[in-house]
Amino acid sequence: MLRLTLAARIGLIVLVSLSLVWVVSVAVFYRTHADELEGALPAPARIVALAELAETLTGEQRGLALEAASSGWFRPRLVAAGQAMPASAGSVIAAALHQRYSSALAARPLGWSVEALSPPARWFSRLAATRPGGVAFRIPLRTGETLVINTGGPPVFTRFGL
């Protein structure tokens, strides 16, 4: 049997206790922030409302409305007609998710692309210091422009924990 001094035993108890506190704090963080992590993709009604708003407003009002609707994980912008855009990567998106957004947009065509992750982020998605890949929604407007909404997930893990 391994004999340890009292100081070594107390040190091991402290180390195990700190590890337990860290694991519990991570679990509590994810339990309390589950709505933020799941809400990384916008609600279909929000996209429809923004598309209708972009069609009805003109000029500088559009820019102000899009700026007001943007946040760290939701970045809408307008792309002029004829400007090159990336190809759609619809096969990456789950069919249920595609159906949810397509039914909300009714007659409007919907395109999207998925941000490519760097190789370390792909290989070690939970340990990379980058955000998970976001989705870029593309909705053609009646004005000929395209509304592009870039979304990104919140940071999940860094190399050092949360």
N, C-alpha and C. Protein backbone atom coordinates (compact mmCIF):
# COMPACT_ATOMS: atom_id res chain seq x y z
N MET A 1 0.83 -1.17 0.00
CA MET A 1 0.00 0.00 0.00
C MET A 1 0.88 1.24 0.00
N LEU A 2 0.46 2.22 -0.73
CA LEU A 2 1.20 3.46 -0.84
C LEU A 2 0.98 4.31 0.41
N ARG A 3 2.04 4.73 1.04
CA ARG A 3 1.94 5.56 2.23
C ARG A 3 2.26 7.00 1.85
N LEU A 4 1.32 7.86 2.17
CA LEU A 4 1.49 9.28 1.87
C LEU A 4 1.52 10.08 3.16
N THR A 5 2.25 11.14 3.12
CA THR A 5 2.30 12.01 4.30
C THR A 5 0.98 12.77 4.40
N LEU A 6 0.76 13.37 5.53
CA LEU A 6 -0.46 14.14 5.75
C LEU A 6 -0.56 15.29 4.74
N ALA A 7 0.54 15.95 4.45
CA ALA A 7 0.55 17.06 3.49
C ALA A 7 0.18 16.57 2.09
N ALA A 8 0.68 15.40 1.70
CA ALA A 8 0.35 14.85 0.38
C ALA A 8 -1.14 14.50 0.31
N ARG A 9 -1.68 13.92 1.35
CA ARG A 9 -3.11 13.59 1.38
C ARG A 9 -3.97 14.84 1.28
N ILE A 10 -3.62 15.86 2.05
CA ILE A 10 -4.38 17.12 2.01
C ILE A 10 -4.26 17.75 0.62
N GLY A 11 -3.08 17.69 0.04
CA GLY A 11 -2.89 18.21 -1.32
C GLY A 11 -3.75 17.49 -2.33
N LEU A 12 -3.84 16.17 -2.25
CA LEU A 12 -4.69 15.41 -3.16
C LEU A 12 -6.16 15.72 -2.94
N ILE A 13 -6.56 15.90 -1.70
CA ILE A 13 -7.96 16.25 -1.42
C ILE A 13 -8.29 17.61 -2.02
N VAL A 14 -7.38 18.56 -1.87
CA VAL A 14 -7.60 19.89 -2.44
C VAL A 14 -7.66 19.81 -3.96
N LEU A 15 -6.78 19.06 -4.58
CA LEU A 15 -6.76 18.93 -6.03
C LEU A 15 -8.05 18.30 -6.55
N VAL A 16 -8.50 17.23 -5.92
CA VAL A 16 -9.74 16.58 -6.34
C VAL A 16 -10.93 17.51 -6.11
N SER A 17 -10.93 18.24 -5.01
CA SER A 17 -12.02 19.17 -4.72
C SER A 17 -12.08 20.29 -5.75
N LEU A 18 -10.94 20.85 -6.10
CA LEU A 18 -10.92 21.90 -7.12
C LEU A 18 -11.39 21.37 -8.48
N SER A 19 -10.99 20.17 -8.82
CA SER A 19 -11.44 19.57 -10.08
C SER A 19 -12.95 19.37 -10.07
N LEU A 20 -13.48 18.93 -8.95
CA LEU A 20 -14.92 18.73 -8.84
C LEU A 20 -15.67 20.06 -8.94
N VAL A 21 -15.16 21.08 -8.30
CA VAL A 21 -15.79 22.40 -8.38
C VAL A 21 -15.76 22.91 -9.81
N TRP A 22 -14.68 22.71 -10.52
CA TRP A 22 -14.59 23.15 -11.91
C TRP A 22 -15.60 22.42 -12.78
N VAL A 23 -15.71 21.11 -12.65
CA VAL A 23 -16.67 20.34 -13.45
C VAL A 23 -18.10 20.77 -13.14
N VAL A 24 -18.41 20.98 -11.87
CA VAL A 24 -19.76 21.41 -11.50
C VAL A 24 -20.04 22.80 -12.04
N SER A 25 -19.07 23.70 -12.01
CA SER A 25 -19.30 25.05 -12.53
C SER A 25 -19.54 25.03 -14.04
N VAL A 26 -18.84 24.18 -14.77
CA VAL A 26 -19.09 24.05 -16.21
C VAL A 26 -20.50 23.52 -16.44
N ALA A 27 -20.91 22.52 -15.68
CA ALA A 27 -22.26 21.97 -15.83
C ALA A 27 -23.32 23.03 -15.51
N VAL A 28 -23.12 23.79 -14.46
CA VAL A 28 -24.08 24.84 -14.11
C VAL A 28 -24.14 25.91 -15.20
N PHE A 29 -22.98 26.28 -15.75
CA PHE A 29 -22.96 27.26 -16.83
C PHE A 29 -23.81 26.80 -18.00
N TYR A 30 -23.62 25.56 -18.45
CA TYR A 30 -24.36 25.09 -19.61
C TYR A 30 -25.83 24.87 -19.31
N ARG A 31 -26.17 24.52 -18.08
CA ARG A 31 -27.58 24.37 -17.73
C ARG A 31 -28.28 25.73 -17.70
N THR A 32 -27.60 26.77 -17.25
CA THR A 32 -28.23 28.08 -17.16
C THR A 32 -28.18 28.87 -18.46
N HIS A 33 -27.29 28.51 -19.37
CA HIS A 33 -27.17 29.22 -20.65
C HIS A 33 -27.65 28.38 -21.82
N ALA A 34 -28.45 27.36 -21.58
CA ALA A 34 -28.91 26.48 -22.64
C ALA A 34 -29.74 27.24 -23.67
N ASP A 35 -30.55 28.20 -23.24
CA ASP A 35 -31.37 28.95 -24.18
C ASP A 35 -30.52 29.81 -25.12
N GLU A 36 -29.41 30.36 -24.64
CA GLU A 36 -28.52 31.13 -25.50
C GLU A 36 -27.83 30.22 -26.52
N LEU A 37 -27.39 29.06 -26.07
CA LEU A 37 -26.67 28.16 -26.97
C LEU A 37 -27.59 27.59 -28.03
N GLU A 38 -28.86 27.33 -27.67
CA GLU A 38 -29.81 26.80 -28.65
C GLU A 38 -30.32 27.90 -29.56
N GLY A 39 -30.30 29.13 -29.09
CA GLY A 39 -30.82 30.24 -29.88
C GLY A 39 -29.81 30.83 -30.83
N ALA A 40 -28.77 30.10 -31.19
CA ALA A 40 -27.77 30.63 -32.09
C ALA A 40 -28.36 30.87 -33.48
N LEU A 41 -29.32 30.06 -33.89
CA LEU A 41 -30.02 30.30 -35.15
C LEU A 41 -31.26 31.12 -34.86
N PRO A 42 -31.51 32.13 -35.68
CA PRO A 42 -32.67 33.00 -35.43
C PRO A 42 -33.98 32.28 -35.71
N ALA A 43 -35.03 32.77 -35.10
CA ALA A 43 -36.36 32.22 -35.34
C ALA A 43 -36.78 32.52 -36.78
N PRO A 44 -37.49 31.59 -37.42
CA PRO A 44 -37.93 31.85 -38.80
C PRO A 44 -38.77 33.12 -38.92
N ALA A 45 -39.58 33.43 -37.91
CA ALA A 45 -40.41 34.65 -37.96
C ALA A 45 -39.53 35.90 -37.98
N ARG A 46 -38.41 35.85 -37.30
CA ARG A 46 -37.48 37.00 -37.29
C ARG A 46 -36.89 37.24 -38.68
N ILE A 47 -36.56 36.18 -39.38
CA ILE A 47 -36.01 36.31 -40.72
C ILE A 47 -37.06 36.85 -41.68
N VAL A 48 -38.29 36.33 -41.59
CA VAL A 48 -39.37 36.81 -42.45
C VAL A 48 -39.64 38.29 -42.20
N ALA A 49 -39.71 38.68 -40.93
CA ALA A 49 -39.96 40.08 -40.60
C ALA A 49 -38.85 40.99 -41.11
N LEU A 50 -37.63 40.54 -41.01
CA LEU A 50 -36.51 41.35 -41.48
C LEU A 50 -36.51 41.47 -43.00
N ALA A 51 -36.87 40.40 -43.70
CA ALA A 51 -36.95 40.46 -45.16
C ALA A 51 -38.05 41.42 -45.60
N GLU A 52 -39.21 41.37 -44.96
CA GLU A 52 -40.29 42.29 -45.31
C GLU A 52 -39.92 43.73 -44.98
N LEU A 53 -39.24 43.94 -43.87
CA LEU A 53 -38.80 45.27 -43.49
C LEU A 53 -37.79 45.82 -44.50
N ALA A 54 -36.86 44.98 -44.95
CA ALA A 54 -35.86 45.42 -45.92
C ALA A 54 -36.50 45.77 -47.26
N GLU A 55 -37.61 45.11 -47.60
CA GLU A 55 -38.29 45.43 -48.86
C GLU A 55 -39.09 46.73 -48.78
N THR A 56 -39.65 47.01 -47.63
CA THR A 56 -40.51 48.19 -47.53
C THR A 56 -39.74 49.48 -47.27
N LEU A 57 -38.60 49.40 -46.62
CA LEU A 57 -37.83 50.61 -46.33
C LEU A 57 -36.96 50.97 -47.53
N THR A 58 -36.52 52.22 -47.54
CA THR A 58 -35.69 52.67 -48.65
C THR A 58 -34.40 53.29 -48.13
N GLY A 59 -33.38 53.20 -48.95
CA GLY A 59 -32.11 53.89 -48.73
C GLY A 59 -31.51 53.78 -47.35
N GLU A 60 -31.34 54.94 -46.71
CA GLU A 60 -30.66 54.99 -45.43
C GLU A 60 -31.45 54.29 -44.32
N GLN A 61 -32.77 54.27 -44.46
CA GLN A 61 -33.60 53.61 -43.46
C GLN A 61 -33.30 52.11 -43.38
N ARG A 62 -33.02 51.51 -44.54
CA ARG A 62 -32.66 50.08 -44.55
C ARG A 62 -31.41 49.82 -43.73
N GLY A 63 -30.39 50.63 -43.99
CA GLY A 63 -29.14 50.46 -43.26
C GLY A 63 -29.32 50.60 -41.76
N LEU A 64 -30.12 51.57 -41.36
CA LEU A 64 -30.38 51.77 -39.93
C LEU A 64 -31.15 50.60 -39.34
N ALA A 65 -32.14 50.09 -40.08
CA ALA A 65 -32.93 48.96 -39.59
C ALA A 65 -32.08 47.70 -39.47
N LEU A 66 -31.23 47.46 -40.45
CA LEU A 66 -30.36 46.28 -40.40
C LEU A 66 -29.34 46.40 -39.28
N GLU A 67 -28.84 47.61 -39.07
CA GLU A 67 -27.88 47.83 -37.98
C GLU A 67 -28.56 47.64 -36.63
N ALA A 68 -29.80 48.09 -36.51
CA ALA A 68 -30.54 47.93 -35.26
C ALA A 68 -30.85 46.47 -34.97
N ALA A 69 -31.04 45.67 -36.01
CA ALA A 69 -31.39 44.26 -35.83
C ALA A 69 -30.16 43.39 -35.61
N SER A 70 -28.98 43.91 -35.86
CA SER A 70 -27.78 43.08 -35.76
C SER A 70 -27.32 42.94 -34.32
N SER A 71 -26.62 41.84 -34.08
CA SER A 71 -26.01 41.59 -32.78
C SER A 71 -24.72 40.82 -33.03
N GLY A 72 -24.10 40.34 -31.99
CA GLY A 72 -22.86 39.60 -32.15
C GLY A 72 -23.02 38.31 -32.93
N TRP A 73 -24.18 37.70 -32.84
CA TRP A 73 -24.40 36.41 -33.50
C TRP A 73 -25.39 36.50 -34.65
N PHE A 74 -25.87 37.69 -34.95
CA PHE A 74 -26.88 37.89 -35.99
C PHE A 74 -26.49 39.15 -36.76
N ARG A 75 -25.97 38.97 -38.00
CA ARG A 75 -25.45 40.10 -38.76
C ARG A 75 -26.10 40.16 -40.14
N PRO A 76 -27.22 40.90 -40.29
CA PRO A 76 -27.84 41.02 -41.61
C PRO A 76 -27.16 42.09 -42.46
N ARG A 77 -27.18 41.88 -43.77
CA ARG A 77 -26.65 42.88 -44.70
C ARG A 77 -27.32 42.67 -46.05
N LEU A 78 -27.29 43.68 -46.89
CA LEU A 78 -27.87 43.60 -48.22
C LEU A 78 -26.76 43.46 -49.24
N VAL A 79 -26.98 42.59 -50.22
CA VAL A 79 -26.04 42.39 -51.31
C VAL A 79 -26.72 42.85 -52.59
N ALA A 80 -26.04 43.70 -53.34
CA ALA A 80 -26.60 44.25 -54.56
C ALA A 80 -26.85 43.15 -55.59
N ALA A 81 -27.79 43.40 -56.48
CA ALA A 81 -28.10 42.44 -57.53
C ALA A 81 -26.89 42.23 -58.43
N GLY A 82 -26.61 40.99 -58.78
CA GLY A 82 -25.50 40.67 -59.66
C GLY A 82 -24.17 40.47 -58.96
N GLN A 83 -24.10 40.73 -57.68
CA GLN A 83 -22.85 40.53 -56.94
C GLN A 83 -22.66 39.05 -56.67
N ALA A 84 -21.42 38.56 -56.81
CA ALA A 84 -21.13 37.14 -56.63
C ALA A 84 -21.35 36.73 -55.18
N MET A 85 -21.94 35.53 -55.00
CA MET A 85 -22.18 35.00 -53.66
C MET A 85 -21.73 33.55 -53.63
N PRO A 86 -21.37 33.03 -52.44
CA PRO A 86 -20.92 31.64 -52.36
C PRO A 86 -22.05 30.67 -52.69
N ALA A 87 -21.66 29.49 -53.14
CA ALA A 87 -22.65 28.46 -53.49
C ALA A 87 -23.35 27.97 -52.24
N SER A 88 -24.59 27.52 -52.44
CA SER A 88 -25.37 27.03 -51.31
C SER A 88 -24.87 25.67 -50.88
N ALA A 89 -24.85 25.45 -49.59
CA ALA A 89 -24.43 24.17 -49.02
C ALA A 89 -25.60 23.55 -48.29
N GLY A 90 -26.75 23.45 -48.96
CA GLY A 90 -27.97 22.99 -48.32
C GLY A 90 -27.91 21.56 -47.83
N SER A 91 -27.06 20.73 -48.40
CA SER A 91 -26.99 19.35 -47.97
C SER A 91 -26.43 19.21 -46.56
N VAL A 92 -25.72 20.25 -46.07
CA VAL A 92 -25.14 20.20 -44.74
C VAL A 92 -26.22 20.43 -43.68
N ILE A 93 -27.26 21.17 -44.03
CA ILE A 93 -28.32 21.54 -43.09
C ILE A 93 -29.32 20.39 -42.98
N ALA A 94 -29.77 20.14 -41.77
CA ALA A 94 -30.74 19.07 -41.54
C ALA A 94 -32.04 19.38 -42.28
N ALA A 95 -32.70 18.33 -42.74
CA ALA A 95 -33.93 18.49 -43.50
C ALA A 95 -35.03 19.16 -42.67
N ALA A 96 -35.11 18.84 -41.39
CA ALA A 96 -36.14 19.44 -40.53
C ALA A 96 -35.91 20.95 -40.39
N LEU A 97 -34.64 21.34 -40.29
CA LEU A 97 -34.33 22.75 -40.18
C LEU A 97 -34.66 23.48 -41.48
N HIS A 98 -34.34 22.88 -42.60
CA HIS A 98 -34.66 23.46 -43.90
C HIS A 98 -36.17 23.62 -44.05
N GLN A 99 -36.93 22.62 -43.65
CA GLN A 99 -38.39 22.67 -43.75
C GLN A 99 -38.95 23.78 -42.87
N ARG A 100 -38.41 23.96 -41.67
CA ARG A 100 -38.89 24.98 -40.75
C ARG A 100 -38.73 26.38 -41.34
N TYR A 101 -37.59 26.66 -41.93
CA TYR A 101 -37.36 27.98 -42.50
C TYR A 101 -38.09 28.16 -43.83
N SER A 102 -38.14 27.13 -44.66
CA SER A 102 -38.81 27.23 -45.95
C SER A 102 -40.30 27.46 -45.78
N SER A 103 -40.92 26.78 -44.81
CA SER A 103 -42.36 26.97 -44.61
C SER A 103 -42.67 28.37 -44.09
N ALA A 104 -41.78 28.94 -43.29
CA ALA A 104 -42.01 30.30 -42.79
C ALA A 104 -41.85 31.34 -43.90
N LEU A 105 -40.93 31.09 -44.83
CA LEU A 105 -40.70 32.04 -45.91
C LEU A 105 -41.69 31.88 -47.06
N ALA A 106 -42.50 30.85 -47.03
CA ALA A 106 -43.57 30.59 -48.02
C ALA A 106 -43.03 30.61 -49.45
N ALA A 107 -43.35 31.64 -50.22
CA ALA A 107 -43.01 31.67 -51.64
C ALA A 107 -41.59 32.14 -51.92
N ARG A 108 -40.89 32.61 -50.92
CA ARG A 108 -39.53 33.10 -51.14
C ARG A 108 -38.55 31.93 -51.21
N PRO A 109 -37.65 31.97 -52.17
CA PRO A 109 -36.59 30.94 -52.17
C PRO A 109 -35.59 31.22 -51.05
N LEU A 110 -35.04 30.17 -50.52
CA LEU A 110 -34.09 30.30 -49.41
C LEU A 110 -32.81 29.58 -49.79
N GLY A 111 -31.71 30.26 -49.64
CA GLY A 111 -30.40 29.64 -49.84
C GLY A 111 -29.57 29.86 -48.59
N TRP A 112 -28.57 29.03 -48.42
CA TRP A 112 -27.68 29.22 -47.28
C TRP A 112 -26.34 28.59 -47.55
N SER A 113 -25.40 28.99 -46.77
CA SER A 113 -24.07 28.38 -46.81
C SER A 113 -23.60 28.27 -45.37
N VAL A 114 -22.71 27.35 -45.14
CA VAL A 114 -22.19 27.11 -43.80
C VAL A 114 -20.74 27.57 -43.78
N GLU A 115 -20.40 28.36 -42.75
CA GLU A 115 -19.01 28.83 -42.61
C GLU A 115 -18.09 27.63 -42.41
N ALA A 116 -17.01 27.63 -43.14
CA ALA A 116 -16.03 26.56 -42.98
C ALA A 116 -15.20 26.82 -41.73
N LEU A 117 -14.97 25.78 -40.98
CA LEU A 117 -14.14 25.87 -39.79
C LEU A 117 -12.68 25.60 -40.15
N SER A 118 -11.78 26.17 -39.40
CA SER A 118 -10.37 25.87 -39.60
C SER A 118 -10.12 24.41 -39.21
N PRO A 119 -9.08 23.76 -39.75
CA PRO A 119 -8.85 22.34 -39.42
C PRO A 119 -8.78 22.04 -37.93
N PRO A 120 -8.08 22.83 -37.09
CA PRO A 120 -8.09 22.48 -35.66
C PRO A 120 -9.49 22.56 -35.05
N ALA A 121 -10.29 23.52 -35.51
CA ALA A 121 -11.65 23.64 -34.98
C ALA A 121 -12.51 22.45 -35.42
N ARG A 122 -12.27 21.94 -36.62
CA ARG A 122 -13.02 20.76 -37.08
C ARG A 122 -12.60 19.52 -36.31
N TRP A 123 -11.31 19.36 -36.11
CA TRP A 123 -10.80 18.14 -35.48
C TRP A 123 -11.14 18.10 -33.99
N PHE A 124 -11.01 19.26 -33.34
CA PHE A 124 -11.25 19.33 -31.90
C PHE A 124 -12.28 20.42 -31.64
N SER A 125 -13.51 20.19 -32.06
CA SER A 125 -14.52 21.24 -32.03
C SER A 125 -14.80 21.75 -30.63
N ARG A 126 -14.67 20.94 -29.61
CA ARG A 126 -14.94 21.40 -28.25
C ARG A 126 -13.72 22.06 -27.60
N LEU A 127 -12.56 21.91 -28.19
CA LEU A 127 -11.36 22.47 -27.59
C LEU A 127 -10.83 23.68 -28.34
N ALA A 128 -11.40 23.99 -29.50
CA ALA A 128 -10.88 25.09 -30.30
C ALA A 128 -11.32 26.42 -29.72
N ALA A 129 -10.48 27.42 -29.89
CA ALA A 129 -10.76 28.74 -29.35
C ALA A 129 -11.56 29.58 -30.35
N THR A 130 -12.31 28.95 -31.23
CA THR A 130 -13.13 29.67 -32.19
C THR A 130 -14.59 29.34 -31.98
N ARG A 131 -15.43 30.17 -32.55
CA ARG A 131 -16.85 29.89 -32.46
C ARG A 131 -17.21 28.78 -33.43
N PRO A 132 -18.28 28.04 -33.14
CA PRO A 132 -18.71 27.04 -34.09
C PRO A 132 -19.14 27.71 -35.39
N GLY A 133 -19.08 26.96 -36.48
CA GLY A 133 -19.43 27.51 -37.78
C GLY A 133 -20.85 28.03 -37.79
N GLY A 134 -21.02 29.18 -38.40
CA GLY A 134 -22.35 29.77 -38.48
C GLY A 134 -23.00 29.46 -39.81
N VAL A 135 -24.24 29.89 -39.94
CA VAL A 135 -25.01 29.69 -41.16
C VAL A 135 -25.30 31.05 -41.75
N ALA A 136 -25.15 31.18 -43.06
CA ALA A 136 -25.49 32.42 -43.76
C ALA A 136 -26.76 32.17 -44.57
N PHE A 137 -27.85 32.79 -44.16
CA PHE A 137 -29.12 32.69 -44.89
C PHE A 137 -29.12 33.70 -46.02
N ARG A 138 -29.63 33.31 -47.18
CA ARG A 138 -29.73 34.22 -48.33
C ARG A 138 -31.16 34.24 -48.82
N ILE A 139 -31.80 35.41 -48.75
CA ILE A 139 -33.19 35.55 -49.16
C ILE A 139 -33.26 36.62 -50.25
N PRO A 140 -33.65 36.23 -51.46
CA PRO A 140 -33.80 37.24 -52.52
C PRO A 140 -35.01 38.13 -52.22
N LEU A 141 -34.83 39.43 -52.41
CA LEU A 141 -35.91 40.39 -52.19
C LEU A 141 -36.54 40.78 -53.51
N ARG A 142 -37.74 41.35 -53.46
CA ARG A 142 -38.44 41.80 -54.67
C ARG A 142 -37.71 42.95 -55.34
N THR A 143 -36.86 43.64 -54.61
CA THR A 143 -36.11 44.77 -55.15
C THR A 143 -34.92 44.32 -56.00
N GLY A 144 -34.66 43.02 -56.04
CA GLY A 144 -33.53 42.49 -56.79
C GLY A 144 -32.30 42.24 -55.94
N GLU A 145 -32.25 42.84 -54.77
CA GLU A 145 -31.14 42.63 -53.86
C GLU A 145 -31.34 41.32 -53.10
N THR A 146 -30.30 40.93 -52.41
CA THR A 146 -30.37 39.72 -51.60
C THR A 146 -30.05 40.08 -50.16
N LEU A 147 -30.90 39.63 -49.25
CA LEU A 147 -30.67 39.82 -47.83
C LEU A 147 -29.85 38.64 -47.35
N VAL A 148 -28.66 38.92 -46.84
CA VAL A 148 -27.77 37.89 -46.32
C VAL A 148 -27.71 38.06 -44.82
N ILE A 149 -28.05 37.00 -44.09
CA ILE A 149 -28.02 37.04 -42.63
C ILE A 149 -26.98 36.04 -42.16
N ASN A 150 -25.88 36.54 -41.64
CA ASN A 150 -24.82 35.69 -41.10
C ASN A 150 -25.09 35.44 -39.63
N THR A 151 -25.07 34.19 -39.26
CA THR A 151 -25.24 33.83 -37.85
C THR A 151 -24.01 33.07 -37.41
N GLY A 152 -23.74 33.11 -36.16
CA GLY A 152 -22.62 32.36 -35.60
C GLY A 152 -22.98 31.91 -34.21
N GLY A 153 -22.48 30.77 -33.84
CA GLY A 153 -22.77 30.28 -32.51
C GLY A 153 -21.92 30.96 -31.46
N PRO A 154 -22.36 30.94 -30.23
CA PRO A 154 -21.55 31.50 -29.16
C PRO A 154 -20.33 30.64 -28.90
N PRO A 155 -19.27 31.19 -28.35
CA PRO A 155 -18.10 30.35 -28.06
C PRO A 155 -18.46 29.29 -27.02
N VAL A 156 -18.07 28.07 -27.29
CA VAL A 156 -18.42 26.97 -26.39
C VAL A 156 -17.28 26.70 -25.43
N PHE A 157 -16.12 26.39 -25.92
CA PHE A 157 -14.95 26.10 -25.11
C PHE A 157 -13.74 26.80 -25.68
N THR A 158 -12.80 27.12 -24.84
CA THR A 158 -11.50 27.54 -25.30
C THR A 158 -10.51 26.47 -24.85
N ARG A 159 -9.26 26.68 -25.14
CA ARG A 159 -8.26 25.70 -24.74
C ARG A 159 -8.12 25.59 -23.23
N PHE A 160 -8.57 26.63 -22.52
CA PHE A 160 -8.38 26.68 -21.08
C PHE A 160 -9.65 26.45 -20.28
N GLY A 161 -10.72 26.02 -20.90
CA GLY A 161 -11.96 25.78 -20.19
C GLY A 161 -13.09 26.52 -20.85
N LEU A 162 -13.78 27.36 -20.10
CA LEU A 162 -14.90 28.12 -20.66
C LEU A 162 -14.42 29.33 -21.41
